[in-house]
Amino acid sequence: MSAVSLLQRGVAHPADTADAGEVAASPPARRTGTARWRDPRLWLGALLVLASVVIGARVLAAADNTVPVWTLDHAVSAGMAVDTSDLGVTRVHFGDLADQSRYWLADESIPQNAHTTHDLGAGEMLPRSAVSTDGASLPAQLPLGVTAAGLPTDLVAGDHVQVWAVPKPEDRRRHSELVLNDAAVLSVAEVSVTGLGGDRQVVVALSQGTATSAVLDALNGATVVLIRISG
């Protein structure tokens, strides 16, 4: 009885063998998918990003309502020539077109032979009213021969000076005289080729109402000394 029971336990049933073979022979399942670049969600996302960039650029452009305006790189005095070499560019927001129309915009050319009609400080916007090509609006210009000892070494156009007439040592009848209390320097020539002892030409502006003949009489035979009072 014991031997029969062991043999029965070791015999495999035909149905079990067939099931095992079918399981081993079954191939793995495969999923069919669509290429990602064909996914409409991808294209929709790209369109949304592009639309956001375009809209943002337009909003920023609309918000920047400033305009470029010519500004002075350095101080200038009435009668001085002015061109783009004297100017820089600054972007400015104007409240209305009337304010904007009073200044030279940086996309406009400055006329040839233009000069300023009144003093302007460094950094100021260039007003249209301050620029003219009319020679009649130029102030009278007085050329002066000044020795190196009679002016600051760094004197430049745009400075303001006092003009003094200092008598020669041998002229004991005269005293130093203040000829012009506030004269704008229009130009300063380079150092004379004759060296430090040579004269330099300095051109100053004469304000309206100046008695030119009295100025020339005071300077006649005297040494000119320029004292800078602002610049």
Protein backbone atom coordinates (compact mmCIF):
# COMPACT_ATOMS: atom_id res chain seq x y z
CA MET A 1 0.00 0.00 0.00
CA SER A 2 2.79 2.36 0.69
CA ALA A 3 4.48 1.84 -2.71
CA VAL A 4 1.28 2.44 -4.65
CA SER A 5 0.65 5.74 -2.85
CA LEU A 6 4.12 7.07 -3.68
CA LEU A 7 3.77 6.27 -7.37
CA GLN A 8 0.44 7.99 -7.58
CA ARG A 9 1.88 11.13 -6.09
CA GLY A 10 4.76 11.22 -8.59
CA VAL A 11 2.63 10.94 -11.77
CA ALA A 12 1.94 14.24 -13.58
CA HIS A 13 -1.50 14.92 -14.95
CA PRO A 14 -1.67 15.61 -18.71
CA ALA A 15 -3.74 18.76 -18.20
CA ASP A 16 -1.14 20.29 -15.90
CA THR A 17 1.64 19.65 -18.45
CA ALA A 18 -0.29 21.30 -21.26
CA ASP A 19 -1.03 24.40 -19.18
CA ALA A 20 2.62 24.86 -18.26
CA GLY A 21 3.69 24.67 -21.91
CA GLU A 22 1.19 27.28 -22.95
CA VAL A 23 2.35 29.63 -20.24
CA ALA A 24 6.02 29.29 -21.26
CA ALA A 25 5.26 29.81 -24.94
CA SER A 26 3.19 33.05 -24.52
CA PRO A 27 5.14 36.15 -25.80
CA PRO A 28 5.32 39.32 -23.65
CA ALA A 29 2.61 41.87 -24.26
CA ARG A 30 3.59 45.02 -26.28
CA ARG A 31 1.95 48.42 -26.15
CA THR A 32 1.60 50.40 -29.31
CA GLY A 33 2.25 54.14 -28.84
CA THR A 34 2.18 57.37 -30.84
CA ALA A 35 5.41 59.43 -31.49
CA ARG A 36 5.69 62.32 -29.01
CA TRP A 37 6.10 64.93 -31.73
CA ARG A 38 2.70 63.94 -33.05
CA ASP A 39 1.09 64.54 -29.69
CA PRO A 40 -1.30 67.52 -30.10
CA ARG A 41 -0.74 68.48 -26.47
CA LEU A 42 2.92 69.17 -27.24
CA TRP A 43 2.03 71.53 -30.09
CA LEU A 44 -0.59 73.27 -27.98
CA GLY A 45 1.95 73.90 -25.22
CA ALA A 46 4.47 75.32 -27.71
CA LEU A 47 1.85 77.67 -29.14
CA LEU A 48 0.93 78.90 -25.68
CA VAL A 49 4.60 79.65 -24.86
CA LEU A 50 5.08 81.51 -28.16
CA ALA A 51 1.92 83.54 -27.62
CA SER A 52 3.08 84.50 -24.10
CA VAL A 53 6.45 85.71 -25.44
CA VAL A 54 4.83 87.83 -28.17
CA ILE A 55 2.27 89.36 -25.82
CA GLY A 56 4.94 90.10 -23.19
CA ALA A 57 7.16 91.83 -25.75
CA ARG A 58 4.28 94.02 -26.90
CA VAL A 59 3.35 94.94 -23.35
CA LEU A 60 6.95 95.96 -22.56
CA ALA A 61 7.20 97.97 -25.77
CA ALA A 62 3.98 99.80 -24.96
CA ALA A 63 5.18 100.55 -21.43
CA ASP A 64 8.46 102.13 -22.64
CA ASN A 65 7.14 105.48 -23.84
CA THR A 66 10.42 107.35 -23.38
CA VAL A 67 12.21 109.12 -26.23
CA PRO A 68 15.94 109.80 -26.77
CA VAL A 69 16.91 113.46 -26.26
CA TRP A 70 20.18 115.32 -26.85
CA THR A 71 21.86 116.46 -23.62
CA LEU A 72 25.00 118.54 -23.00
CA ASP A 73 28.16 116.61 -22.13
CA HIS A 74 29.69 119.80 -20.71
CA ALA A 75 28.72 123.37 -19.91
CA VAL A 76 28.46 125.77 -22.83
CA SER A 77 28.19 129.53 -22.93
CA ALA A 78 26.10 131.77 -25.14
CA GLY A 79 27.65 132.09 -28.57
CA MET A 80 29.56 128.80 -28.48
CA ALA A 81 29.31 126.46 -31.44
CA VAL A 82 27.46 123.22 -30.69
CA ASP A 83 27.32 119.93 -32.57
CA THR A 84 26.91 116.24 -31.77
CA SER A 85 30.46 116.03 -30.40
CA ASP A 86 29.26 118.17 -27.48
CA LEU A 87 26.19 116.03 -26.85
CA GLY A 88 25.10 112.78 -25.28
CA VAL A 89 21.78 110.92 -25.36
CA THR A 90 19.30 110.41 -22.53
CA ARG A 91 15.89 108.76 -22.67
CA VAL A 92 13.16 110.95 -21.20
CA HIS A 93 9.44 110.54 -20.55
CA PHE A 94 7.39 113.62 -21.44
CA GLY A 95 3.93 114.22 -20.12
CA ASP A 96 2.68 115.59 -23.42
CA LEU A 97 3.88 116.36 -26.95
CA ALA A 98 4.07 120.08 -26.24
CA ASP A 99 6.85 119.51 -23.71
CA GLN A 100 8.65 117.11 -26.04
CA SER A 101 8.57 119.56 -28.95
CA ARG A 102 10.65 122.08 -26.98
CA TYR A 103 13.78 119.88 -27.09
CA TRP A 104 16.04 118.40 -29.74
CA LEU A 105 15.45 114.66 -30.11
CA ALA A 106 18.49 112.47 -30.62
CA ASP A 107 17.24 111.23 -33.99
CA GLU A 108 17.40 114.82 -35.31
CA SER A 109 20.55 116.37 -36.77
CA ILE A 110 21.90 119.59 -35.28
CA PRO A 111 22.13 122.29 -37.99
CA GLN A 112 25.55 123.23 -39.29
CA ASN A 113 27.05 126.45 -37.88
CA ALA A 114 24.67 126.20 -34.92
CA HIS A 115 25.52 128.07 -31.74
CA THR A 116 23.91 128.49 -28.35
CA THR A 117 21.97 131.61 -27.54
CA HIS A 118 22.37 131.36 -23.78
CA ASP A 119 24.41 129.47 -21.20
CA LEU A 120 23.64 125.78 -20.62
CA GLY A 121 24.94 123.47 -17.90
CA ALA A 122 26.37 119.99 -18.24
CA GLY A 123 23.65 117.33 -18.34
CA GLU A 124 20.91 119.72 -19.44
CA MET A 125 18.60 118.74 -22.28
CA LEU A 126 19.19 120.82 -25.41
CA PRO A 127 16.26 123.23 -25.88
CA ARG A 128 15.33 124.29 -29.40
CA SER A 129 15.21 127.89 -28.21
CA ALA A 130 18.88 127.70 -27.20
CA VAL A 131 20.16 126.81 -30.68
CA SER A 132 20.40 129.24 -33.57
CA THR A 133 22.15 129.62 -36.89
CA ASP A 134 21.41 133.34 -37.07
CA GLY A 135 24.63 135.32 -36.82
CA ALA A 136 22.68 138.30 -35.48
CA SER A 137 21.98 136.37 -32.29
CA LEU A 138 25.68 135.89 -31.58
CA PRO A 139 27.12 138.01 -28.78
CA ALA A 140 29.99 140.33 -29.57
CA GLN A 141 33.28 138.43 -29.34
CA LEU A 142 36.42 139.94 -27.86
CA PRO A 143 39.77 138.26 -28.70
CA LEU A 144 42.44 138.57 -26.03
CA GLY A 145 46.16 137.77 -26.13
CA VAL A 146 47.01 136.26 -22.76
CA THR A 147 50.37 134.97 -21.55
CA ALA A 148 50.65 131.60 -19.85
CA ALA A 149 51.02 133.38 -16.52
CA GLY A 150 47.81 135.30 -17.07
CA LEU A 151 45.26 132.46 -17.16
CA PRO A 152 44.54 129.12 -15.50
CA THR A 153 46.32 126.29 -17.27
CA ASP A 154 43.09 124.27 -17.60
CA LEU A 155 40.89 127.12 -18.83
CA VAL A 156 38.37 125.86 -21.38
CA ALA A 157 35.44 127.13 -23.39
CA GLY A 158 32.39 127.47 -21.16
CA ASP A 159 34.30 128.86 -18.18
CA HIS A 160 33.47 132.31 -16.87
CA VAL A 161 36.25 134.75 -16.04
CA GLN A 162 37.00 138.21 -14.78
CA VAL A 163 39.13 140.20 -17.21
CA TRP A 164 41.74 142.41 -15.56
CA ALA A 165 44.03 144.97 -17.18
CA VAL A 166 47.36 145.05 -15.33
CA PRO A 167 49.67 147.97 -16.24
CA LYS A 168 53.29 147.46 -17.21
CA PRO A 169 55.75 147.87 -14.33
CA GLU A 170 57.09 151.08 -15.87
CA ASP A 171 53.64 152.65 -16.11
CA ARG A 172 53.26 153.98 -12.59
CA ARG A 173 50.31 156.21 -13.44
CA ARG A 174 47.91 153.31 -13.91
CA HIS A 175 46.53 150.72 -11.56
CA SER A 176 45.12 147.26 -12.16
CA GLU A 177 41.58 147.61 -13.44
CA LEU A 178 38.67 145.18 -13.58
CA VAL A 179 37.51 145.45 -17.18
CA LEU A 180 34.88 142.70 -17.35
CA ASN A 181 33.35 141.25 -14.21
CA ASP A 182 31.83 138.13 -15.79
CA ALA A 183 32.75 137.09 -19.32
CA ALA A 184 32.02 133.71 -20.86
CA VAL A 185 34.97 132.03 -22.54
CA LEU A 186 34.06 131.00 -26.09
CA SER A 187 37.36 129.44 -27.14
CA VAL A 188 40.92 128.93 -25.96
CA ALA A 189 43.68 128.46 -28.53
CA GLU A 190 46.43 125.90 -28.15
CA VAL A 191 49.75 126.89 -26.59
CA SER A 192 51.72 129.17 -28.88
CA VAL A 193 54.59 127.62 -30.81
CA THR A 194 56.89 130.20 -29.27
CA GLY A 195 56.70 128.35 -25.95
CA LEU A 196 55.37 129.15 -22.51
CA GLY A 197 56.21 132.80 -22.93
CA GLY A 198 54.00 133.19 -25.98
CA ASP A 199 50.47 134.54 -25.93
CA ARG A 200 47.39 132.35 -26.23
CA GLN A 201 44.30 133.71 -27.86
CA VAL A 202 41.24 133.57 -25.65
CA VAL A 203 37.90 134.71 -27.06
CA VAL A 204 35.31 135.96 -24.59
CA ALA A 205 31.73 137.07 -25.11
CA LEU A 206 30.64 140.61 -24.45
CA SER A 207 27.19 140.94 -22.94
CA GLN A 208 24.70 143.33 -24.45
CA GLY A 209 25.20 146.89 -23.35
CA THR A 210 28.96 146.55 -22.83
CA ALA A 211 30.82 149.74 -23.71
CA THR A 212 33.25 148.25 -26.19
CA SER A 213 35.35 151.39 -26.58
CA ALA A 214 35.89 151.66 -22.82
CA VAL A 215 36.96 148.01 -22.70
CA LEU A 216 39.50 148.51 -25.48
CA ASP A 217 40.88 151.67 -23.87
CA ALA A 218 41.37 149.84 -20.57
CA LEU A 219 43.18 146.95 -22.25
CA ASN A 220 45.40 149.15 -24.42
CA GLY A 221 49.03 148.70 -23.37
CA ALA A 222 48.13 146.54 -20.39
CA THR A 223 48.77 142.91 -19.56
CA VAL A 224 45.61 140.84 -19.62
CA VAL A 225 44.93 138.57 -16.66
CA LEU A 226 41.98 136.21 -16.53
CA ILE A 227 40.61 135.03 -13.21
CA ARG A 228 38.21 132.13 -13.45
CA ILE A 229 35.08 132.61 -11.37
CA SER A 230 33.09 129.56 -12.53
CA GLY A 231 33.41 126.64 -14.86
